[in-house]
Structure formats: C-alpha cells, structure tokens
C-alpha cells in the first residue's frame, strides 16, 4: 500500500494543485480513465470545503490530503482542522447570517461529492473533520 501525503495552506489557489496531484496519483494507481474527472471534481469540492472551514474558523493549520493506493481501491482522505461538531454538517450551534450561508455552501459541496463518489464517508472528531472517498482500481476489476 502506497500513500502520498499533501499538506497545503488553506488558500483557494492551492485547491487546483491538490486536484492535479490527486488525478495523477489516481491514474498511477489504476483508476479508470473515465473516472478521473470525477476524482478531480470530488477532490476539488472536498478541498474547497476544508479551505472554507479553515477560513471561517480562523484555523492556520494546513489542509491534509492523503492519497492511498491499495490492492483493490484508491482512496483519498481530505482532512480539515475544525475539531468536534463545528465541522460537522448541520451542527446545532447558533449561527450568524454569514455562517448559515457558509453552511448552505458546505451542504451543497457534500451533495456534489456524494453525487460523484459511490463510496464516501464524512466524519468529525476532536482532531478535525475528514472526507474519505474511494474508487475501485482496474486491477480490482480484473482480479476474481
């Protein structure tokens, strides 16, 4: 199992780089060429969400992206530094108008990711939130 770790400052201009790196590693891992656009879009949405959470919660820690090659699947984990329920969708905290707008964008981003990726999991914990997405590799389709 090979893993590539990418960390970047929570700035929107770095999201494009994360998308390009994710697509290159996915191609090398054996993800079907027809799915690479979905990988790029999903990673872009997940990274944009993490950047937005970092900006809205004034977090200076970098956004973390893990690209994991396994025998039968390729996984991407995008982690933010927002601890606890603050990063969880629909957390029941009091909100200002701008926070509710940000939550609406967050929900839209999660809906887009769910539409692009069959295997997706969103979690939030003390160390921050994470979106884990995975796709089968072409070697998985060939193996019995």
N, C-alpha and C. Protein backbone atom coordinates (compact mmCIF):
# COMPACT_ATOMS: atom_id res chain seq x y z
N UNK A 1 0.85 -1.17 0.00
CA UNK A 1 0.00 0.00 0.00
C UNK A 1 0.90 1.24 0.00
N UNK A 2 0.71 2.10 -0.99
CA UNK A 2 1.48 3.34 -1.09
C UNK A 2 0.59 4.51 -0.71
N UNK A 3 1.17 5.48 -0.02
CA UNK A 3 0.42 6.66 0.40
C UNK A 3 1.21 7.91 0.04
N UNK A 4 0.51 8.87 -0.53
CA UNK A 4 1.08 10.19 -0.80
C UNK A 4 0.36 11.16 0.12
N UNK A 5 1.12 11.97 0.84
CA UNK A 5 0.51 12.97 1.72
C UNK A 5 0.79 14.36 1.16
N UNK A 6 -0.25 15.15 1.11
CA UNK A 6 -0.17 16.52 0.61
C UNK A 6 -0.74 17.43 1.69
N UNK A 7 0.01 18.46 2.05
CA UNK A 7 -0.47 19.47 3.00
C UNK A 7 -0.32 20.82 2.33
N UNK A 8 -1.35 21.64 2.45
CA UNK A 8 -1.26 22.97 1.85
C UNK A 8 -1.96 24.01 2.71
N UNK A 9 -1.47 25.24 2.60
CA UNK A 9 -2.10 26.35 3.31
C UNK A 9 -3.54 26.46 2.85
N UNK A 10 -4.41 26.82 3.77
CA UNK A 10 -5.85 26.88 3.46
C UNK A 10 -6.16 28.12 2.62
N UNK A 11 -5.71 28.07 1.37
CA UNK A 11 -5.95 29.14 0.42
C UNK A 11 -6.59 28.54 -0.83
N UNK A 12 -7.61 29.20 -1.37
CA UNK A 12 -8.32 28.65 -2.53
C UNK A 12 -7.42 28.32 -3.72
N UNK A 13 -6.35 29.10 -3.92
CA UNK A 13 -5.49 28.86 -5.07
C UNK A 13 -4.72 27.54 -5.00
N UNK A 14 -4.65 26.91 -3.83
CA UNK A 14 -3.96 25.63 -3.70
C UNK A 14 -4.85 24.43 -4.03
N UNK A 15 -6.15 24.66 -4.12
CA UNK A 15 -7.09 23.57 -4.41
C UNK A 15 -6.80 22.97 -5.79
N UNK A 16 -6.48 23.79 -6.76
CA UNK A 16 -6.18 23.31 -8.12
C UNK A 16 -4.99 22.34 -8.10
N UNK A 17 -3.97 22.68 -7.34
CA UNK A 17 -2.79 21.80 -7.23
C UNK A 17 -3.19 20.45 -6.62
N UNK A 18 -4.02 20.48 -5.59
CA UNK A 18 -4.48 19.24 -4.96
C UNK A 18 -5.24 18.38 -5.96
N UNK A 19 -6.07 19.01 -6.79
CA UNK A 19 -6.82 18.27 -7.82
C UNK A 19 -5.87 17.62 -8.82
N UNK A 20 -4.87 18.34 -9.27
CA UNK A 20 -3.93 17.80 -10.25
C UNK A 20 -3.12 16.64 -9.68
N UNK A 21 -2.66 16.80 -8.45
CA UNK A 21 -1.89 15.73 -7.80
C UNK A 21 -2.77 14.49 -7.61
N UNK A 22 -4.00 14.70 -7.15
CA UNK A 22 -4.91 13.57 -6.93
C UNK A 22 -5.17 12.81 -8.23
N UNK A 23 -5.39 13.53 -9.32
CA UNK A 23 -5.65 12.86 -10.61
C UNK A 23 -4.42 12.09 -11.08
N UNK A 24 -3.23 12.65 -10.90
CA UNK A 24 -2.00 11.95 -11.32
C UNK A 24 -1.79 10.67 -10.51
N UNK A 25 -1.99 10.75 -9.21
CA UNK A 25 -1.80 9.57 -8.35
C UNK A 25 -2.90 8.54 -8.64
N UNK A 26 -4.13 8.99 -8.87
CA UNK A 26 -5.22 8.07 -9.19
C UNK A 26 -4.92 7.32 -10.49
N UNK A 27 -4.42 8.03 -11.49
CA UNK A 27 -4.06 7.40 -12.76
C UNK A 27 -2.99 6.33 -12.53
N UNK A 28 -1.97 6.67 -11.76
CA UNK A 28 -0.89 5.72 -11.47
C UNK A 28 -1.40 4.52 -10.68
N UNK A 29 -2.40 4.73 -9.83
CA UNK A 29 -2.95 3.65 -9.00
C UNK A 29 -3.83 2.70 -9.80
N UNK A 30 -4.24 3.12 -11.01
CA UNK A 30 -5.06 2.24 -11.84
C UNK A 30 -6.53 2.58 -11.87
N UNK A 31 -6.89 3.79 -11.45
CA UNK A 31 -8.29 4.21 -11.55
C UNK A 31 -8.61 4.39 -13.03
N UNK A 32 -9.78 3.93 -13.43
CA UNK A 32 -10.21 4.01 -14.83
C UNK A 32 -10.16 5.45 -15.33
N UNK A 33 -9.66 5.63 -16.53
CA UNK A 33 -9.54 6.97 -17.14
C UNK A 33 -10.87 7.70 -17.18
N UNK A 34 -11.96 6.97 -17.39
CA UNK A 34 -13.29 7.58 -17.47
C UNK A 34 -13.73 8.20 -16.14
N UNK A 35 -13.10 7.79 -15.04
CA UNK A 35 -13.50 8.25 -13.71
C UNK A 35 -12.61 9.40 -13.21
N UNK A 36 -11.51 9.69 -13.90
CA UNK A 36 -10.56 10.68 -13.41
C UNK A 36 -11.17 12.08 -13.26
N UNK A 37 -12.10 12.45 -14.14
CA UNK A 37 -12.76 13.74 -13.99
C UNK A 37 -13.57 13.79 -12.69
N UNK A 38 -14.21 12.69 -12.35
CA UNK A 38 -14.96 12.62 -11.10
C UNK A 38 -14.02 12.74 -9.90
N UNK A 39 -12.86 12.11 -9.98
CA UNK A 39 -11.86 12.22 -8.92
C UNK A 39 -11.45 13.68 -8.75
N UNK A 40 -11.12 14.34 -9.86
CA UNK A 40 -10.72 15.75 -9.81
C UNK A 40 -11.80 16.63 -9.18
N UNK A 41 -13.03 16.46 -9.65
CA UNK A 41 -14.13 17.27 -9.14
C UNK A 41 -14.39 17.01 -7.65
N UNK A 42 -14.39 15.76 -7.26
CA UNK A 42 -14.66 15.41 -5.85
C UNK A 42 -13.56 15.96 -4.94
N UNK A 43 -12.31 15.82 -5.36
CA UNK A 43 -11.20 16.35 -4.56
C UNK A 43 -11.29 17.87 -4.49
N UNK A 44 -11.64 18.51 -5.59
CA UNK A 44 -11.79 19.96 -5.59
C UNK A 44 -12.86 20.40 -4.61
N UNK A 45 -13.99 19.73 -4.61
CA UNK A 45 -15.08 20.07 -3.68
C UNK A 45 -14.66 19.84 -2.22
N UNK A 46 -14.01 18.70 -1.95
CA UNK A 46 -13.60 18.39 -0.59
C UNK A 46 -12.55 19.38 -0.09
N UNK A 47 -11.60 19.71 -0.94
CA UNK A 47 -10.55 20.66 -0.55
C UNK A 47 -11.12 22.07 -0.39
N UNK A 48 -12.03 22.47 -1.27
CA UNK A 48 -12.67 23.79 -1.15
C UNK A 48 -13.45 23.87 0.16
N UNK A 49 -14.13 22.78 0.51
CA UNK A 49 -14.87 22.74 1.77
C UNK A 49 -13.92 22.91 2.95
N UNK A 50 -12.79 22.19 2.93
CA UNK A 50 -11.81 22.28 4.02
C UNK A 50 -11.23 23.70 4.11
N UNK A 51 -10.90 24.29 2.96
CA UNK A 51 -10.38 25.66 2.95
C UNK A 51 -11.41 26.61 3.55
N UNK A 52 -12.67 26.47 3.15
CA UNK A 52 -13.73 27.32 3.69
C UNK A 52 -13.89 27.18 5.20
N UNK A 53 -13.82 25.95 5.69
CA UNK A 53 -13.92 25.71 7.13
C UNK A 53 -12.75 26.34 7.87
N UNK A 54 -11.55 26.21 7.31
CA UNK A 54 -10.37 26.82 7.94
C UNK A 54 -10.52 28.34 7.99
N UNK A 55 -10.99 28.93 6.89
CA UNK A 55 -11.16 30.38 6.85
C UNK A 55 -12.23 30.84 7.84
N UNK A 56 -13.37 30.15 7.87
CA UNK A 56 -14.47 30.59 8.73
C UNK A 56 -14.19 30.36 10.22
N UNK A 57 -13.30 29.43 10.55
CA UNK A 57 -12.96 29.16 11.95
C UNK A 57 -11.58 29.70 12.32
N UNK A 58 -10.99 30.48 11.41
CA UNK A 58 -9.69 31.13 11.65
C UNK A 58 -8.62 30.11 12.09
N UNK A 59 -8.49 29.05 11.32
CA UNK A 59 -7.51 27.99 11.61
C UNK A 59 -6.32 28.16 10.67
N UNK A 60 -5.13 28.19 11.24
CA UNK A 60 -3.93 28.39 10.42
C UNK A 60 -3.26 27.08 10.01
N UNK A 61 -3.69 25.97 10.57
CA UNK A 61 -3.11 24.67 10.23
C UNK A 61 -3.38 24.35 8.76
N UNK A 62 -2.50 23.56 8.13
CA UNK A 62 -2.71 23.22 6.72
C UNK A 62 -3.85 22.21 6.53
N UNK A 63 -4.40 22.21 5.33
CA UNK A 63 -5.37 21.19 4.93
C UNK A 63 -4.56 19.93 4.61
N UNK A 64 -5.05 18.77 5.02
CA UNK A 64 -4.35 17.50 4.81
C UNK A 64 -5.07 16.66 3.76
N UNK A 65 -4.30 16.13 2.83
CA UNK A 65 -4.86 15.24 1.81
C UNK A 65 -3.99 14.00 1.77
N UNK A 66 -4.59 12.83 1.96
CA UNK A 66 -3.89 11.55 1.84
C UNK A 66 -4.42 10.83 0.61
N UNK A 67 -3.52 10.38 -0.24
CA UNK A 67 -3.86 9.62 -1.44
C UNK A 67 -3.32 8.22 -1.22
N UNK A 68 -4.22 7.25 -1.09
CA UNK A 68 -3.84 5.91 -0.65
C UNK A 68 -4.12 4.88 -1.74
N UNK A 69 -3.06 4.23 -2.20
CA UNK A 69 -3.18 3.14 -3.18
C UNK A 69 -3.27 1.83 -2.42
N UNK A 70 -4.30 1.07 -2.69
CA UNK A 70 -4.46 -0.25 -2.10
C UNK A 70 -4.54 -1.25 -3.25
N UNK A 71 -4.59 -2.52 -2.95
CA UNK A 71 -4.65 -3.54 -4.00
C UNK A 71 -5.89 -3.39 -4.88
N UNK A 72 -7.01 -3.09 -4.26
CA UNK A 72 -8.28 -3.11 -4.99
C UNK A 72 -8.96 -1.75 -5.10
N UNK A 73 -8.44 -0.75 -4.38
CA UNK A 73 -9.09 0.55 -4.44
C UNK A 73 -8.09 1.67 -4.23
N UNK A 74 -8.51 2.84 -4.64
CA UNK A 74 -7.75 4.07 -4.46
C UNK A 74 -8.59 4.97 -3.57
N UNK A 75 -8.02 5.45 -2.47
CA UNK A 75 -8.76 6.27 -1.52
C UNK A 75 -8.12 7.64 -1.37
N UNK A 76 -8.95 8.61 -1.10
CA UNK A 76 -8.49 9.97 -0.83
C UNK A 76 -9.15 10.42 0.47
N UNK A 77 -8.34 10.93 1.39
CA UNK A 77 -8.84 11.49 2.63
C UNK A 77 -8.48 12.96 2.67
N UNK A 78 -9.48 13.81 2.80
CA UNK A 78 -9.26 15.25 2.91
C UNK A 78 -9.66 15.64 4.33
N UNK A 79 -8.68 16.14 5.09
CA UNK A 79 -8.92 16.49 6.48
C UNK A 79 -8.82 17.97 6.73
N UNK A 80 -9.71 18.46 7.57
CA UNK A 80 -9.66 19.86 8.00
C UNK A 80 -9.28 19.90 9.48
N UNK A 81 -8.98 21.05 9.98
CA UNK A 81 -8.57 21.19 11.37
C UNK A 81 -9.67 21.65 12.30
N UNK A 82 -10.93 21.57 11.87
CA UNK A 82 -12.05 22.03 12.69
C UNK A 82 -12.46 20.91 13.62
N UNK A 83 -12.19 21.07 14.90
CA UNK A 83 -12.44 19.99 15.85
C UNK A 83 -13.91 19.88 16.23
N UNK A 84 -14.30 18.69 16.61
CA UNK A 84 -15.63 18.42 17.13
C UNK A 84 -16.74 18.64 16.13
N UNK A 85 -17.90 18.98 16.64
CA UNK A 85 -19.10 19.12 15.81
C UNK A 85 -19.10 20.39 14.96
N UNK A 86 -18.16 21.32 15.20
CA UNK A 86 -18.16 22.57 14.43
C UNK A 86 -18.01 22.31 12.95
N UNK A 87 -17.27 21.26 12.57
CA UNK A 87 -17.08 20.94 11.17
C UNK A 87 -18.11 19.99 10.61
N UNK A 88 -18.98 19.48 11.48
CA UNK A 88 -19.97 18.51 11.03
C UNK A 88 -21.14 19.22 10.38
N UNK A 89 -21.66 18.64 9.29
CA UNK A 89 -22.80 19.26 8.64
C UNK A 89 -24.01 19.29 9.56
N UNK A 90 -24.69 20.43 9.59
CA UNK A 90 -25.92 20.53 10.36
C UNK A 90 -25.72 20.60 11.86
N UNK A 91 -24.54 21.01 12.35
CA UNK A 91 -24.34 21.11 13.79
C UNK A 91 -25.30 22.16 14.35
N UNK A 92 -25.83 21.93 15.52
CA UNK A 92 -26.91 22.75 16.04
C UNK A 92 -26.48 24.00 16.78
N UNK A 93 -25.38 24.63 16.41
CA UNK A 93 -24.92 25.83 17.08
C UNK A 93 -25.67 27.05 16.57
N UNK A 94 -25.71 28.12 17.39
CA UNK A 94 -26.29 29.39 16.94
C UNK A 94 -25.41 29.94 15.82
N UNK A 95 -26.05 30.53 14.81
CA UNK A 95 -25.30 30.96 13.65
C UNK A 95 -25.62 32.41 13.30
N UNK A 96 -24.64 33.08 12.72
CA UNK A 96 -24.91 34.39 12.14
C UNK A 96 -25.37 34.15 10.71
N UNK A 97 -25.76 35.21 10.01
CA UNK A 97 -26.23 35.06 8.63
C UNK A 97 -25.12 34.51 7.75
N UNK A 98 -23.88 35.03 7.91
CA UNK A 98 -22.78 34.55 7.06
C UNK A 98 -22.45 33.09 7.36
N UNK A 99 -22.59 32.68 8.62
CA UNK A 99 -22.33 31.28 8.96
C UNK A 99 -23.39 30.37 8.35
N UNK A 100 -24.64 30.81 8.31
CA UNK A 100 -25.67 29.97 7.71
C UNK A 100 -25.47 29.89 6.20
N UNK A 101 -25.00 30.96 5.56
CA UNK A 101 -24.66 30.91 4.13
C UNK A 101 -23.53 29.91 3.90
N UNK A 102 -22.51 29.95 4.77
CA UNK A 102 -21.38 29.03 4.64
C UNK A 102 -21.84 27.59 4.82
N UNK A 103 -22.78 27.37 5.76
CA UNK A 103 -23.29 26.02 5.97
C UNK A 103 -24.05 25.53 4.74
N UNK A 104 -24.79 26.43 4.09
CA UNK A 104 -25.51 26.06 2.87
C UNK A 104 -24.55 25.65 1.77
N UNK A 105 -23.45 26.39 1.64
CA UNK A 105 -22.43 26.03 0.65
C UNK A 105 -21.78 24.71 1.01
N UNK A 106 -21.56 24.49 2.31
CA UNK A 106 -20.98 23.24 2.79
C UNK A 106 -21.87 22.06 2.44
N UNK A 107 -23.17 22.20 2.70
CA UNK A 107 -24.12 21.13 2.37
C UNK A 107 -24.15 20.87 0.87
N UNK A 108 -24.08 21.93 0.06
CA UNK A 108 -24.08 21.78 -1.39
C UNK A 108 -22.82 21.02 -1.84
N UNK A 109 -21.68 21.37 -1.26
CA UNK A 109 -20.43 20.69 -1.60
C UNK A 109 -20.49 19.21 -1.26
N UNK A 110 -21.05 18.88 -0.09
CA UNK A 110 -21.19 17.47 0.30
C UNK A 110 -22.15 16.74 -0.63
N UNK A 111 -23.20 17.43 -1.08
CA UNK A 111 -24.15 16.81 -2.02
C UNK A 111 -23.47 16.52 -3.35
N UNK A 112 -22.64 17.44 -3.82
CA UNK A 112 -21.91 17.23 -5.07
C UNK A 112 -20.96 16.04 -4.94
N UNK A 113 -20.23 15.98 -3.83
CA UNK A 113 -19.30 14.86 -3.61
C UNK A 113 -20.07 13.54 -3.58
N UNK A 114 -21.20 13.50 -2.88
CA UNK A 114 -22.00 12.27 -2.80
C UNK A 114 -22.51 11.85 -4.17
N UNK A 115 -22.79 12.82 -5.03
CA UNK A 115 -23.23 12.51 -6.38
C UNK A 115 -22.12 11.99 -7.27
N UNK A 116 -20.89 12.37 -6.98
CA UNK A 116 -19.74 11.95 -7.79
C UNK A 116 -19.12 10.64 -7.33
N UNK A 117 -19.19 10.35 -6.04
CA UNK A 117 -18.46 9.23 -5.46
C UNK A 117 -19.44 8.26 -4.82
N UNK A 118 -19.36 6.99 -5.20
CA UNK A 118 -20.23 5.98 -4.61
C UNK A 118 -19.84 5.66 -3.17
N UNK A 119 -18.54 5.62 -2.90
CA UNK A 119 -18.04 5.25 -1.58
C UNK A 119 -17.46 6.48 -0.90
N UNK A 120 -18.27 7.17 -0.10
CA UNK A 120 -17.84 8.39 0.58
C UNK A 120 -18.28 8.35 2.03
N UNK A 121 -17.43 8.86 2.91
CA UNK A 121 -17.72 8.89 4.34
C UNK A 121 -17.26 10.25 4.88
N UNK A 122 -18.12 10.92 5.64
CA UNK A 122 -17.80 12.20 6.25
C UNK A 122 -17.82 12.01 7.76
N UNK A 123 -16.71 12.36 8.41
CA UNK A 123 -16.62 12.22 9.86
C UNK A 123 -16.09 13.51 10.47
N UNK A 124 -16.38 13.70 11.76
CA UNK A 124 -15.85 14.84 12.51
C UNK A 124 -15.44 14.34 13.88
N UNK A 125 -14.26 14.78 14.31
CA UNK A 125 -13.76 14.36 15.62
C UNK A 125 -12.97 15.48 16.26
N UNK A 126 -12.33 15.18 17.35
CA UNK A 126 -11.54 16.18 18.08
C UNK A 126 -10.36 16.70 17.27
N UNK A 127 -9.82 15.87 16.39
CA UNK A 127 -8.68 16.29 15.57
C UNK A 127 -9.09 16.97 14.29
N UNK A 128 -10.38 17.05 14.03
CA UNK A 128 -10.88 17.70 12.83
C UNK A 128 -11.80 16.80 12.04
N UNK A 129 -12.32 17.33 10.96
CA UNK A 129 -13.22 16.58 10.11
C UNK A 129 -12.46 15.90 8.98
N UNK A 130 -13.10 14.90 8.37
CA UNK A 130 -12.47 14.20 7.27
C UNK A 130 -13.52 13.72 6.29
N UNK A 131 -13.18 13.84 5.02
CA UNK A 131 -13.98 13.24 3.96
C UNK A 131 -13.12 12.16 3.34
N UNK A 132 -13.60 10.92 3.38
CA UNK A 132 -12.88 9.79 2.79
C UNK A 132 -13.68 9.30 1.59
N UNK A 133 -12.99 9.25 0.45
CA UNK A 133 -13.63 8.82 -0.80
C UNK A 133 -12.77 7.70 -1.38
N UNK A 134 -13.41 6.74 -2.04
CA UNK A 134 -12.60 5.69 -2.68
C UNK A 134 -13.25 5.22 -3.97
N UNK A 135 -12.40 4.74 -4.86
CA UNK A 135 -12.78 4.25 -6.18
C UNK A 135 -12.07 2.93 -6.42
N UNK A 136 -12.71 2.01 -7.12
CA UNK A 136 -12.02 0.75 -7.47
C UNK A 136 -10.93 1.03 -8.50
N UNK A 137 -9.90 0.21 -8.47
CA UNK A 137 -8.85 0.30 -9.49
C UNK A 137 -9.10 -0.74 -10.57
N UNK A 138 -8.48 -0.56 -11.71
CA UNK A 138 -8.68 -1.51 -12.82
C UNK A 138 -8.16 -2.88 -12.45
N UNK A 139 -7.16 -2.97 -11.57
CA UNK A 139 -6.67 -4.27 -11.14
C UNK A 139 -7.73 -4.98 -10.30
N UNK A 140 -8.57 -4.21 -9.59
CA UNK A 140 -9.65 -4.81 -8.78
C UNK A 140 -10.68 -5.45 -9.70
N UNK A 141 -10.93 -4.84 -10.86
CA UNK A 141 -11.92 -5.38 -11.79
C UNK A 141 -11.43 -6.65 -12.45
N UNK A 142 -10.12 -6.80 -12.60
CA UNK A 142 -9.55 -7.96 -13.26
C UNK A 142 -9.43 -9.15 -12.33
N UNK A 143 -9.14 -8.87 -11.05
CA UNK A 143 -8.95 -9.96 -10.08
C UNK A 143 -10.28 -10.62 -9.75
N UNK A 144 -10.28 -11.94 -9.56
CA UNK A 144 -11.52 -12.63 -9.22
C UNK A 144 -12.01 -12.31 -7.83
